[in-house]
Amino acid sequence: MNNCTVNFTTPVESTNSTTNSYELLYILNMCMHCINFLFGLPTHSYVIWLIITGTGNGVAFEFVILNLSFSEIGICLNSVISLLSFWFSGIIILNTFLVGLIITGRPLFQCLICVERYLAVVHPVIFLKYKPLRYRVIGCTLAWILILGSCVCCMLTVASHYIVFMWFIFLQFLIFLSIQLFCLVAILRALKQSGPGERGRIRNEENDKIRRVIYLILVTTATIVIIYVPLALTALYTIVTKVMIQDVWFPAVICYILAGFVQSVIYLNRTGKLSCLCSL
């Protein structure tokens, strides 16, 4: 998913076509990293500034989104490191280390957001009990520890044990997607089980909140599918064939980079800042 990926299947008789293909992928890869950095860094930095300054619902309520934005900034910085590693091979080790942030940081915090919304709708008593900021700090701290472990694992497996790395990506996809789908189905069932009489007693504002939560879970689930289905299929292909080809990985990289802007756009739209930016 970055320039550490190598092509092990270049036939001797097709060297010229393979070289041209590699050069094209090389240019496209650099362009995608530039787009990710130039557009992603200011967008996620703006989200962080809005949360810290209290434009939204406050740091306590949006602490997980704040951590997600910090991880996205790390991904944007990794794009710069990936570009520099084309010319300075000495920083490839840092590039492989940050791959753990790429494949674990974003989906992990997205899962935390979905679990938080799930508790708010399905188990409101538990949600209110663990609503204080200190519980979110504990949860995000554990998430960063897992991300650090993922970074170390990627640093040790990307180049030397790439099949292990492929299994790592594939299994993470299954876990994260399962959590997303569980939260979505549970929220839909909770909404469906409220009878007509009970619906009449619920205020319209509460119904709107539930609809927004479902919309958020749907968009987040679609995002994680866009992120991880191409990566998982490519990883599964690599596991089965024991071949790693850059041409196969590039569409997955495109999906991953483009999907990284979804959560920021959702937040900016919710705070009313997206319309302000579009009017400029």
C-alpha atoms as a PDB file:
ATOM      1  CA  MET A   1       0.000   0.000   0.000  1.00  0.00           C
ATOM      2  CA  ASN A   2       3.017   2.276  -0.260  1.00  0.00           C
ATOM      3  CA  ASN A   3       6.349   2.281  -2.028  1.00  0.00           C
ATOM      4  CA  CYS A   4       7.529  -0.579   0.197  1.00  0.00           C
ATOM      5  CA  THR A   5       5.381  -2.897  -1.934  1.00  0.00           C
ATOM      6  CA  VAL A   6       7.473  -4.713  -4.496  1.00  0.00           C
ATOM      7  CA  ASN A   7       6.710  -6.639  -7.645  1.00  0.00           C
ATOM      8  CA  PHE A   8       7.907 -10.241  -7.522  1.00  0.00           C
ATOM      9  CA  THR A   9       6.444 -11.287 -10.886  1.00  0.00           C
ATOM     10  CA  THR A  10       8.336  -9.456 -13.629  1.00  0.00           C
ATOM     11  CA  PRO A  11       9.028 -11.767 -16.578  1.00  0.00           C
ATOM     12  CA  VAL A  12      12.268 -11.193 -18.445  1.00  0.00           C
ATOM     13  CA  GLU A  13      10.574 -11.022 -21.840  1.00  0.00           C
ATOM     14  CA  SER A  14       8.198  -8.237 -20.758  1.00  0.00           C
ATOM     15  CA  THR A  15      10.708  -5.977 -19.082  1.00  0.00           C
ATOM     16  CA  ASN A  16       9.863  -2.895 -21.156  1.00  0.00           C
ATOM     17  CA  SER A  17       6.114  -3.065 -20.602  1.00  0.00           C
ATOM     18  CA  THR A  18       6.623  -3.791 -16.928  1.00  0.00           C
ATOM     19  CA  THR A  19       9.009  -0.852 -16.622  1.00  0.00           C
ATOM     20  CA  ASN A  20       6.501   1.486 -18.288  1.00  0.00           C
ATOM     21  CA  SER A  21       3.730   0.194 -16.039  1.00  0.00           C
ATOM     22  CA  TYR A  22       5.897   0.667 -12.974  1.00  0.00           C
ATOM     23  CA  GLU A  23       6.779   4.230 -14.005  1.00  0.00           C
ATOM     24  CA  LEU A  24       3.086   5.066 -14.447  1.00  0.00           C
ATOM     25  CA  LEU A  25       2.238   3.602 -11.044  1.00  0.00           C
ATOM     26  CA  TYR A  26       5.217   5.458  -9.592  1.00  0.00           C
ATOM     27  CA  ILE A  27       3.838   8.790 -10.860  1.00  0.00           C
ATOM     28  CA  LEU A  28       0.250   8.016  -9.826  1.00  0.00           C
ATOM     29  CA  ASN A  29       1.413   6.893  -6.394  1.00  0.00           C
ATOM     30  CA  MET A  30       3.282  10.157  -5.887  1.00  0.00           C
ATOM     31  CA  CYS A  31       0.219  12.133  -7.013  1.00  0.00           C
ATOM     32  CA  MET A  32      -2.051  10.330  -4.560  1.00  0.00           C
ATOM     33  CA  HIS A  33       0.365  10.961  -1.701  1.00  0.00           C
ATOM     34  CA  CYS A  34       0.526  14.648  -2.665  1.00  0.00           C
ATOM     35  CA  ILE A  35      -3.283  14.900  -2.742  1.00  0.00           C
ATOM     36  CA  ASN A  36      -3.537  13.191   0.626  1.00  0.00           C
ATOM     37  CA  PHE A  37      -1.065  15.609   2.191  1.00  0.00           C
ATOM     38  CA  LEU A  38      -2.162  18.857   0.520  1.00  0.00           C
ATOM     39  CA  PHE A  39      -5.894  18.348   1.136  1.00  0.00           C
ATOM     40  CA  GLY A  40      -5.885  16.047   4.142  1.00  0.00           C
ATOM     41  CA  LEU A  41      -3.559  17.968   6.452  1.00  0.00           C
ATOM     42  CA  PRO A  42      -5.466  21.304   6.390  1.00  0.00           C
ATOM     43  CA  THR A  43      -8.845  19.543   6.556  1.00  0.00           C
ATOM     44  CA  HIS A  44      -8.031  17.419   9.605  1.00  0.00           C
ATOM     45  CA  SER A  45      -6.165  20.301  11.258  1.00  0.00           C
ATOM     46  CA  TYR A  46      -9.272  22.449  10.840  1.00  0.00           C
ATOM     47  CA  VAL A  47     -11.421  19.746  12.453  1.00  0.00           C
ATOM     48  CA  ILE A  48      -9.015  19.564  15.409  1.00  0.00           C
ATOM     49  CA  TRP A  49      -9.122  23.354  15.773  1.00  0.00           C
ATOM     50  CA  LEU A  50     -12.935  23.362  15.736  1.00  0.00           C
ATOM     51  CA  ILE A  51     -13.109  20.664  18.419  1.00  0.00           C
ATOM     52  CA  ILE A  52     -10.526  22.294  20.686  1.00  0.00           C
ATOM     53  CA  THR A  53     -12.141  25.727  20.402  1.00  0.00           C
ATOM     54  CA  GLY A  54     -15.533  24.255  21.287  1.00  0.00           C
ATOM     55  CA  THR A  55     -17.294  24.970  17.997  1.00  0.00           C
ATOM     56  CA  GLY A  56     -19.046  21.600  18.069  1.00  0.00           C
ATOM     57  CA  ASN A  57     -20.296  19.807  21.171  1.00  0.00           C
ATOM     58  CA  GLY A  58     -17.071  20.184  23.141  1.00  0.00           C
ATOM     59  CA  VAL A  59     -13.899  18.169  23.564  1.00  0.00           C
ATOM     60  CA  ALA A  60     -15.483  15.688  25.990  1.00  0.00           C
ATOM     61  CA  PHE A  61     -18.242  14.643  23.594  1.00  0.00           C
ATOM     62  CA  GLU A  62     -15.998  14.589  20.500  1.00  0.00           C
ATOM     63  CA  PHE A  63     -12.826  13.223  22.062  1.00  0.00           C
ATOM     64  CA  VAL A  64     -12.803  10.107  19.861  1.00  0.00           C
ATOM     65  CA  ILE A  65     -13.243  12.219  16.722  1.00  0.00           C
ATOM     66  CA  LEU A  66     -10.359  14.368  17.952  1.00  0.00           C
ATOM     67  CA  ASN A  67      -8.115  11.306  18.212  1.00  0.00           C
ATOM     68  CA  LEU A  68      -9.281  10.121  14.795  1.00  0.00           C
ATOM     69  CA  SER A  69      -8.245  13.461  13.324  1.00  0.00           C
ATOM     70  CA  PHE A  70      -4.813  13.195  14.958  1.00  0.00           C
ATOM     71  CA  SER A  71      -4.358   9.734  13.440  1.00  0.00           C
ATOM     72  CA  GLU A  72      -5.406  11.131  10.046  1.00  0.00           C
ATOM     73  CA  ILE A  73      -2.739  13.821  10.364  1.00  0.00           C
ATOM     74  CA  GLY A  74      -0.232  11.052  11.052  1.00  0.00           C
ATOM     75  CA  ILE A  75      -1.380   9.350   7.848  1.00  0.00           C
ATOM     76  CA  CYS A  76      -0.916  12.618   5.944  1.00  0.00           C
ATOM     77  CA  LEU A  77       2.609  12.972   7.332  1.00  0.00           C
ATOM     78  CA  ASN A  78       3.311   9.404   6.295  1.00  0.00           C
ATOM     79  CA  SER A  79       2.473  10.448   2.734  1.00  0.00           C
ATOM     80  CA  VAL A  80       5.345  12.938   2.916  1.00  0.00           C
ATOM     81  CA  ILE A  81       7.639  10.259   4.315  1.00  0.00           C
ATOM     82  CA  SER A  82       6.563   7.910   1.520  1.00  0.00           C
ATOM     83  CA  LEU A  83       7.447  10.548  -1.066  1.00  0.00           C
ATOM     84  CA  LEU A  84      10.822  11.241   0.538  1.00  0.00           C
ATOM     85  CA  SER A  85      11.606   7.524   0.775  1.00  0.00           C
ATOM     86  CA  PHE A  86      11.669   7.384  -3.019  1.00  0.00           C
ATOM     87  CA  TRP A  87      14.929   9.347  -2.837  1.00  0.00           C
ATOM     88  CA  PHE A  88      16.116   8.671   0.737  1.00  0.00           C
ATOM     89  CA  SER A  89      16.007   4.943   1.399  1.00  0.00           C
ATOM     90  CA  GLY A  90      17.143   5.421   4.978  1.00  0.00           C
ATOM     91  CA  ILE A  91      13.671   6.525   6.116  1.00  0.00           C
ATOM     92  CA  ILE A  92      11.879   3.459   4.715  1.00  0.00           C
ATOM     93  CA  ILE A  93      11.979   1.934   8.202  1.00  0.00           C
ATOM     94  CA  LEU A  94       9.948   4.903   9.476  1.00  0.00           C
ATOM     95  CA  ASN A  95       7.583   4.470   6.539  1.00  0.00           C
ATOM     96  CA  THR A  96       6.956   0.814   7.395  1.00  0.00           C
ATOM     97  CA  PHE A  97       6.467   1.731  11.060  1.00  0.00           C
ATOM     98  CA  LEU A  98       3.720   4.223  10.193  1.00  0.00           C
ATOM     99  CA  VAL A  99       1.938   1.626   8.058  1.00  0.00           C
ATOM    100  CA  GLY A 100       0.535   0.360  11.375  1.00  0.00           C
ATOM    101  CA  LEU A 101      -1.100   3.738  11.899  1.00  0.00           C
ATOM    102  CA  ILE A 102      -2.553   3.539   8.399  1.00  0.00           C
ATOM    103  CA  ILE A 103      -4.143   0.100   8.641  1.00  0.00           C
ATOM    104  CA  THR A 104      -5.161   0.233  12.330  1.00  0.00           C
ATOM    105  CA  GLY A 105      -5.548   3.852  13.461  1.00  0.00           C
ATOM    106  CA  ARG A 106      -8.378   5.020  11.236  1.00  0.00           C
ATOM    107  CA  PRO A 107     -10.645   1.912  11.408  1.00  0.00           C
ATOM    108  CA  LEU A 108     -10.043   1.485  15.146  1.00  0.00           C
ATOM    109  CA  PHE A 109     -11.205   5.001  16.013  1.00  0.00           C
ATOM    110  CA  GLN A 110     -14.096   4.667  13.570  1.00  0.00           C
ATOM    111  CA  CYS A 111     -15.140   1.521  15.426  1.00  0.00           C
ATOM    112  CA  LEU A 112     -14.943   3.398  18.727  1.00  0.00           C
ATOM    113  CA  ILE A 113     -17.248   6.064  17.279  1.00  0.00           C
ATOM    114  CA  CYS A 114     -19.736   3.397  16.214  1.00  0.00           C
ATOM    115  CA  VAL A 115     -19.583   1.636  19.603  1.00  0.00           C
ATOM    116  CA  GLU A 116     -20.174   4.981  21.302  1.00  0.00           C
ATOM    117  CA  ARG A 117     -23.263   5.619  19.173  1.00  0.00           C
ATOM    118  CA  TYR A 118     -24.416   2.032  19.756  1.00  0.00           C
ATOM    119  CA  LEU A 119     -24.291   2.485  23.534  1.00  0.00           C
ATOM    120  CA  ALA A 120     -26.089   5.830  23.283  1.00  0.00           C
ATOM    121  CA  VAL A 121     -29.031   4.262  21.403  1.00  0.00           C
ATOM    122  CA  VAL A 122     -29.226   0.660  22.633  1.00  0.00           C
ATOM    123  CA  HIS A 123     -27.830   0.992  26.178  1.00  0.00           C
ATOM    124  CA  PRO A 124     -28.375   4.624  27.228  1.00  0.00           C
ATOM    125  CA  VAL A 125     -27.913   3.870  30.940  1.00  0.00           C
ATOM    126  CA  ILE A 126     -24.450   2.422  30.326  1.00  0.00           C
ATOM    127  CA  PHE A 127     -23.680   5.301  27.980  1.00  0.00           C
ATOM    128  CA  LEU A 128     -24.549   7.885  30.648  1.00  0.00           C
ATOM    129  CA  LYS A 129     -22.498   5.975  33.209  1.00  0.00           C
ATOM    130  CA  TYR A 130     -19.375   6.064  31.044  1.00  0.00           C
ATOM    131  CA  LYS A 131     -20.058   9.450  29.468  1.00  0.00           C
ATOM    132  CA  PRO A 132     -17.439  11.432  31.470  1.00  0.00           C
ATOM    133  CA  LEU A 133     -14.263  12.388  29.648  1.00  0.00           C
ATOM    134  CA  ARG A 134     -11.999  10.128  31.733  1.00  0.00           C
ATOM    135  CA  TYR A 135     -13.548   6.985  30.252  1.00  0.00           C
ATOM    136  CA  ARG A 136     -13.028   8.250  26.723  1.00  0.00           C
ATOM    137  CA  VAL A 137      -9.421   9.083  27.616  1.00  0.00           C
ATOM    138  CA  ILE A 138      -8.895   5.524  28.888  1.00  0.00           C
ATOM    139  CA  GLY A 139     -10.466   4.030  25.763  1.00  0.00           C
ATOM    140  CA  CYS A 140      -8.425   6.181  23.385  1.00  0.00           C
ATOM    141  CA  THR A 141      -5.236   5.485  25.361  1.00  0.00           C
ATOM    142  CA  LEU A 142      -5.801   1.748  24.937  1.00  0.00           C
ATOM    143  CA  ALA A 143      -6.481   2.364  21.240  1.00  0.00           C
ATOM    144  CA  TRP A 144      -3.151   4.188  20.821  1.00  0.00           C
ATOM    145  CA  ILE A 145      -1.361   1.316  22.581  1.00  0.00           C
ATOM    146  CA  LEU A 146      -2.909  -1.107  20.072  1.00  0.00           C
ATOM    147  CA  ILE A 147      -1.892   1.198  17.221  1.00  0.00           C
ATOM    148  CA  LEU A 148       1.681   1.305  18.536  1.00  0.00           C
ATOM    149  CA  GLY A 149       1.728  -2.494  18.642  1.00  0.00           C
ATOM    150  CA  SER A 150       0.412  -2.560  15.073  1.00  0.00           C
ATOM    151  CA  CYS A 151       3.183  -0.177  13.989  1.00  0.00           C
ATOM    152  CA  VAL A 152       5.849  -2.439  15.506  1.00  0.00           C
ATOM    153  CA  CYS A 153       4.243  -5.494  13.903  1.00  0.00           C
ATOM    154  CA  CYS A 154       4.192  -3.818  10.488  1.00  0.00           C
ATOM    155  CA  MET A 155       7.793  -2.684  10.827  1.00  0.00           C
ATOM    156  CA  LEU A 156       8.847  -6.296  11.444  1.00  0.00           C
ATOM    157  CA  THR A 157       6.669  -7.976   8.802  1.00  0.00           C
ATOM    158  CA  VAL A 158       6.102  -5.655   5.802  1.00  0.00           C
ATOM    159  CA  ALA A 159       9.378  -6.473   4.043  1.00  0.00           C
ATOM    160  CA  SER A 160      10.594  -9.735   5.582  1.00  0.00           C
ATOM    161  CA  HIS A 161       7.348 -11.631   6.273  1.00  0.00           C
ATOM    162  CA  TYR A 162       4.859 -10.126   3.851  1.00  0.00           C
ATOM    163  CA  ILE A 163       2.479 -13.133   3.997  1.00  0.00           C
ATOM    164  CA  VAL A 164       2.131 -12.579   7.753  1.00  0.00           C
ATOM    165  CA  PHE A 165       1.482  -8.915   7.001  1.00  0.00           C
ATOM    166  CA  MET A 166      -1.241  -9.884   4.516  1.00  0.00           C
ATOM    167  CA  TRP A 167      -2.933 -12.076   7.120  1.00  0.00           C
ATOM    168  CA  PHE A 168      -2.685  -9.155   9.552  1.00  0.00           C
ATOM    169  CA  ILE A 169      -4.545  -6.857   7.147  1.00  0.00           C
ATOM    170  CA  PHE A 170      -7.149  -9.487   6.268  1.00  0.00           C
ATOM    171  CA  LEU A 171      -8.008 -10.428   9.864  1.00  0.00           C
ATOM    172  CA  GLN A 172      -8.206  -6.780  10.932  1.00  0.00           C
ATOM    173  CA  PHE A 173     -10.704  -6.140   8.166  1.00  0.00           C
ATOM    174  CA  LEU A 174     -12.945  -8.958   9.386  1.00  0.00           C
ATOM    175  CA  ILE A 175     -12.822  -7.758  12.993  1.00  0.00           C
ATOM    176  CA  PHE A 176     -13.485  -4.086  12.260  1.00  0.00           C
ATOM    177  CA  LEU A 177     -16.220  -4.756   9.722  1.00  0.00           C
ATOM    178  CA  SER A 178     -17.943  -7.202  12.095  1.00  0.00           C
ATOM    179  CA  ILE A 179     -18.030  -4.565  14.841  1.00  0.00           C
ATOM    180  CA  GLN A 180     -19.429  -1.990  12.425  1.00  0.00           C
ATOM    181  CA  LEU A 181     -22.168  -4.297  11.176  1.00  0.00           C
ATOM    182  CA  PHE A 182     -23.080  -5.402  14.699  1.00  0.00           C
ATOM    183  CA  CYS A 183     -23.539  -1.793  15.828  1.00  0.00           C
ATOM    184  CA  LEU A 184     -25.583  -0.957  12.737  1.00  0.00           C
ATOM    185  CA  VAL A 185     -27.903  -3.969  13.055  1.00  0.00           C
ATOM    186  CA  ALA A 186     -28.370  -3.430  16.799  1.00  0.00           C
ATOM    187  CA  ILE A 187     -29.360   0.223  16.301  1.00  0.00           C
ATOM    188  CA  LEU A 188     -31.763  -0.681  13.496  1.00  0.00           C
ATOM    189  CA  ARG A 189     -33.376  -3.360  15.678  1.00  0.00           C
ATOM    190  CA  ALA A 190     -33.701  -0.927  18.597  1.00  0.00           C
ATOM    191  CA  LEU A 191     -35.511   1.543  16.359  1.00  0.00           C
ATOM    192  CA  LYS A 192     -37.744  -1.144  14.868  1.00  0.00           C
ATOM    193  CA  GLN A 193     -38.796  -2.577  18.252  1.00  0.00           C
ATOM    194  CA  SER A 194     -40.331   0.707  19.406  1.00  0.00           C
ATOM    195  CA  GLY A 195     -44.088   0.244  18.920  1.00  0.00           C
ATOM    196  CA  PRO A 196     -46.526   2.800  17.515  1.00  0.00           C
ATOM    197  CA  GLY A 197     -47.658   3.915  20.971  1.00  0.00           C
ATOM    198  CA  GLU A 198     -44.114   4.233  22.163  1.00  0.00           C
ATOM    199  CA  ARG A 199     -43.162   6.187  19.087  1.00  0.00           C
ATOM    200  CA  GLY A 200     -45.922   8.671  19.880  1.00  0.00           C
ATOM    201  CA  ARG A 201     -44.405   9.386  23.242  1.00  0.00           C
ATOM    202  CA  ILE A 202     -40.930   9.978  21.885  1.00  0.00           C
ATOM    203  CA  ARG A 203     -40.219  13.518  20.912  1.00  0.00           C
ATOM    204  CA  ASN A 204     -39.489  14.302  17.296  1.00  0.00           C
ATOM    205  CA  GLU A 205     -36.109  15.646  18.327  1.00  0.00           C
ATOM    206  CA  GLU A 206     -35.131  12.265  19.761  1.00  0.00           C
ATOM    207  CA  ASN A 207     -36.268  10.518  16.592  1.00  0.00           C
ATOM    208  CA  ASP A 208     -34.111  12.904  14.569  1.00  0.00           C
ATOM    209  CA  LYS A 209     -31.121  12.100  16.775  1.00  0.00           C
ATOM    210  CA  ILE A 210     -31.638   8.370  16.227  1.00  0.00           C
ATOM    211  CA  ARG A 211     -31.884   8.897  12.476  1.00  0.00           C
ATOM    212  CA  ARG A 212     -28.660  10.908  12.514  1.00  0.00           C
ATOM    213  CA  VAL A 213     -26.935   8.148  14.472  1.00  0.00           C
ATOM    214  CA  ILE A 214     -28.091   5.529  11.942  1.00  0.00           C
ATOM    215  CA  TYR A 215     -26.949   7.763   9.095  1.00  0.00           C
ATOM    216  CA  LEU A 216     -23.561   8.158  10.761  1.00  0.00           C
ATOM    217  CA  ILE A 217     -23.191   4.401  11.286  1.00  0.00           C
ATOM    218  CA  LEU A 218     -24.225   3.719   7.677  1.00  0.00           C
ATOM    219  CA  VAL A 219     -21.740   6.211   6.271  1.00  0.00           C
ATOM    220  CA  THR A 220     -18.981   4.971   8.564  1.00  0.00           C
ATOM    221  CA  THR A 221     -19.693   1.349   7.634  1.00  0.00           C
ATOM    222  CA  ALA A 222     -19.680   2.213   3.929  1.00  0.00           C
ATOM    223  CA  THR A 223     -16.409   4.050   4.467  1.00  0.00           C
ATOM    224  CA  ILE A 224     -14.722   1.141   6.172  1.00  0.00           C
ATOM    225  CA  VAL A 225     -15.964  -1.184   3.413  1.00  0.00           C
ATOM    226  CA  ILE A 226     -14.437   1.135   0.805  1.00  0.00           C
ATOM    227  CA  ILE A 227     -11.223   1.219   2.817  1.00  0.00           C
ATOM    228  CA  TYR A 228     -10.850  -2.440   3.620  1.00  0.00           C
ATOM    229  CA  VAL A 229     -12.632  -4.512   0.950  1.00  0.00           C
ATOM    230  CA  PRO A 230     -10.023  -3.668  -1.745  1.00  0.00           C
ATOM    231  CA  LEU A 231      -7.208  -4.132   0.784  1.00  0.00           C
ATOM    232  CA  ALA A 232      -8.623  -7.409   2.075  1.00  0.00           C
ATOM    233  CA  LEU A 233      -9.232  -8.822  -1.406  1.00  0.00           C
ATOM    234  CA  THR A 234      -5.742  -7.820  -2.455  1.00  0.00           C
ATOM    235  CA  ALA A 235      -4.290  -9.316   0.718  1.00  0.00           C
ATOM    236  CA  LEU A 236      -6.252 -12.524   0.155  1.00  0.00           C
ATOM    237  CA  TYR A 237      -5.006 -12.658  -3.451  1.00  0.00           C
ATOM    238  CA  THR A 238      -1.439 -12.238  -2.207  1.00  0.00           C
ATOM    239  CA  ILE A 239      -1.898 -14.962   0.426  1.00  0.00           C
ATOM    240  CA  VAL A 240      -3.307 -17.442  -2.103  1.00  0.00           C
ATOM    241  CA  THR A 241      -0.851 -16.736  -4.938  1.00  0.00           C
ATOM    242  CA  LYS A 242       2.101 -15.756  -2.715  1.00  0.00           C
ATOM    243  CA  VAL A 243       2.700 -12.924  -5.166  1.00  0.00           C
ATOM    244  CA  MET A 244       2.674  -9.207  -4.394  1.00  0.00           C
ATOM    245  CA  ILE A 245       2.010  -6.969  -7.400  1.00  0.00           C
ATOM    246  CA  GLN A 246       1.927  -3.171  -7.298  1.00  0.00           C
ATOM    247  CA  ASP A 247      -0.685  -2.951 -10.072  1.00  0.00           C
ATOM    248  CA  VAL A 248      -3.161  -4.771  -7.841  1.00  0.00           C
ATOM    249  CA  TRP A 249      -2.479  -2.627  -4.799  1.00  0.00           C
ATOM    250  CA  PHE A 250      -2.891   0.779  -6.405  1.00  0.00           C
ATOM    251  CA  PRO A 251      -6.752   0.765  -6.622  1.00  0.00           C
ATOM    252  CA  ALA A 252      -6.827  -0.144  -2.933  1.00  0.00           C
ATOM    253  CA  VAL A 253      -4.573   2.816  -2.150  1.00  0.00           C
ATOM    254  CA  ILE A 254      -6.900   5.157  -4.073  1.00  0.00           C
ATOM    255  CA  CYS A 255      -9.943   3.901  -2.130  1.00  0.00           C
ATOM    256  CA  TYR A 256      -8.113   4.265   1.157  1.00  0.00           C
ATOM    257  CA  ILE A 257      -6.958   7.833   0.547  1.00  0.00           C
ATOM    258  CA  LEU A 258     -10.312   9.077  -0.754  1.00  0.00           C
ATOM    259  CA  ALA A 259     -12.228   7.440   2.117  1.00  0.00           C
ATOM    260  CA  GLY A 260     -10.067   9.290   4.620  1.00  0.00           C
ATOM    261  CA  PHE A 261     -11.945  12.542   3.999  1.00  0.00           C
ATOM    262  CA  VAL A 262     -15.406  11.157   4.815  1.00  0.00           C
ATOM    263  CA  GLN A 263     -15.378  11.595   8.594  1.00  0.00           C
ATOM    264  CA  SER A 264     -14.013  15.133   8.328  1.00  0.00           C
ATOM    265  CA  VAL A 265     -16.695  16.076   5.793  1.00  0.00           C
ATOM    266  CA  ILE A 266     -19.385  14.614   8.090  1.00  0.00           C
ATOM    267  CA  TYR A 267     -18.106  16.634  11.032  1.00  0.00           C
ATOM    268  CA  LEU A 268     -17.810  19.867   9.044  1.00  0.00           C
ATOM    269  CA  ASN A 269     -21.334  19.362   7.716  1.00  0.00           C
ATOM    270  CA  ARG A 270     -22.688  18.726  11.223  1.00  0.00           C
ATOM    271  CA  THR A 271     -21.080  21.889  12.593  1.00  0.00           C
ATOM    272  CA  GLY A 272     -22.289  23.958   9.639  1.00  0.00           C
ATOM    273  CA  LYS A 273     -18.760  24.741   8.452  1.00  0.00           C
ATOM    274  CA  LEU A 274     -18.976  22.807   5.209  1.00  0.00           C
ATOM    275  CA  SER A 275     -21.523  25.176   3.690  1.00  0.00           C
ATOM    276  CA  CYS A 276     -19.367  28.108   4.771  1.00  0.00           C
ATOM    277  CA  LEU A 277     -16.335  26.641   3.030  1.00  0.00           C
ATOM    278  CA  CYS A 278     -18.309  25.872  -0.128  1.00  0.00           C
ATOM    279  CA  SER A 279     -19.550  29.471  -0.296  1.00  0.00           C
ATOM    280  CA  LEU A 280     -16.026  30.878  -0.292  1.00  0.00           C
END
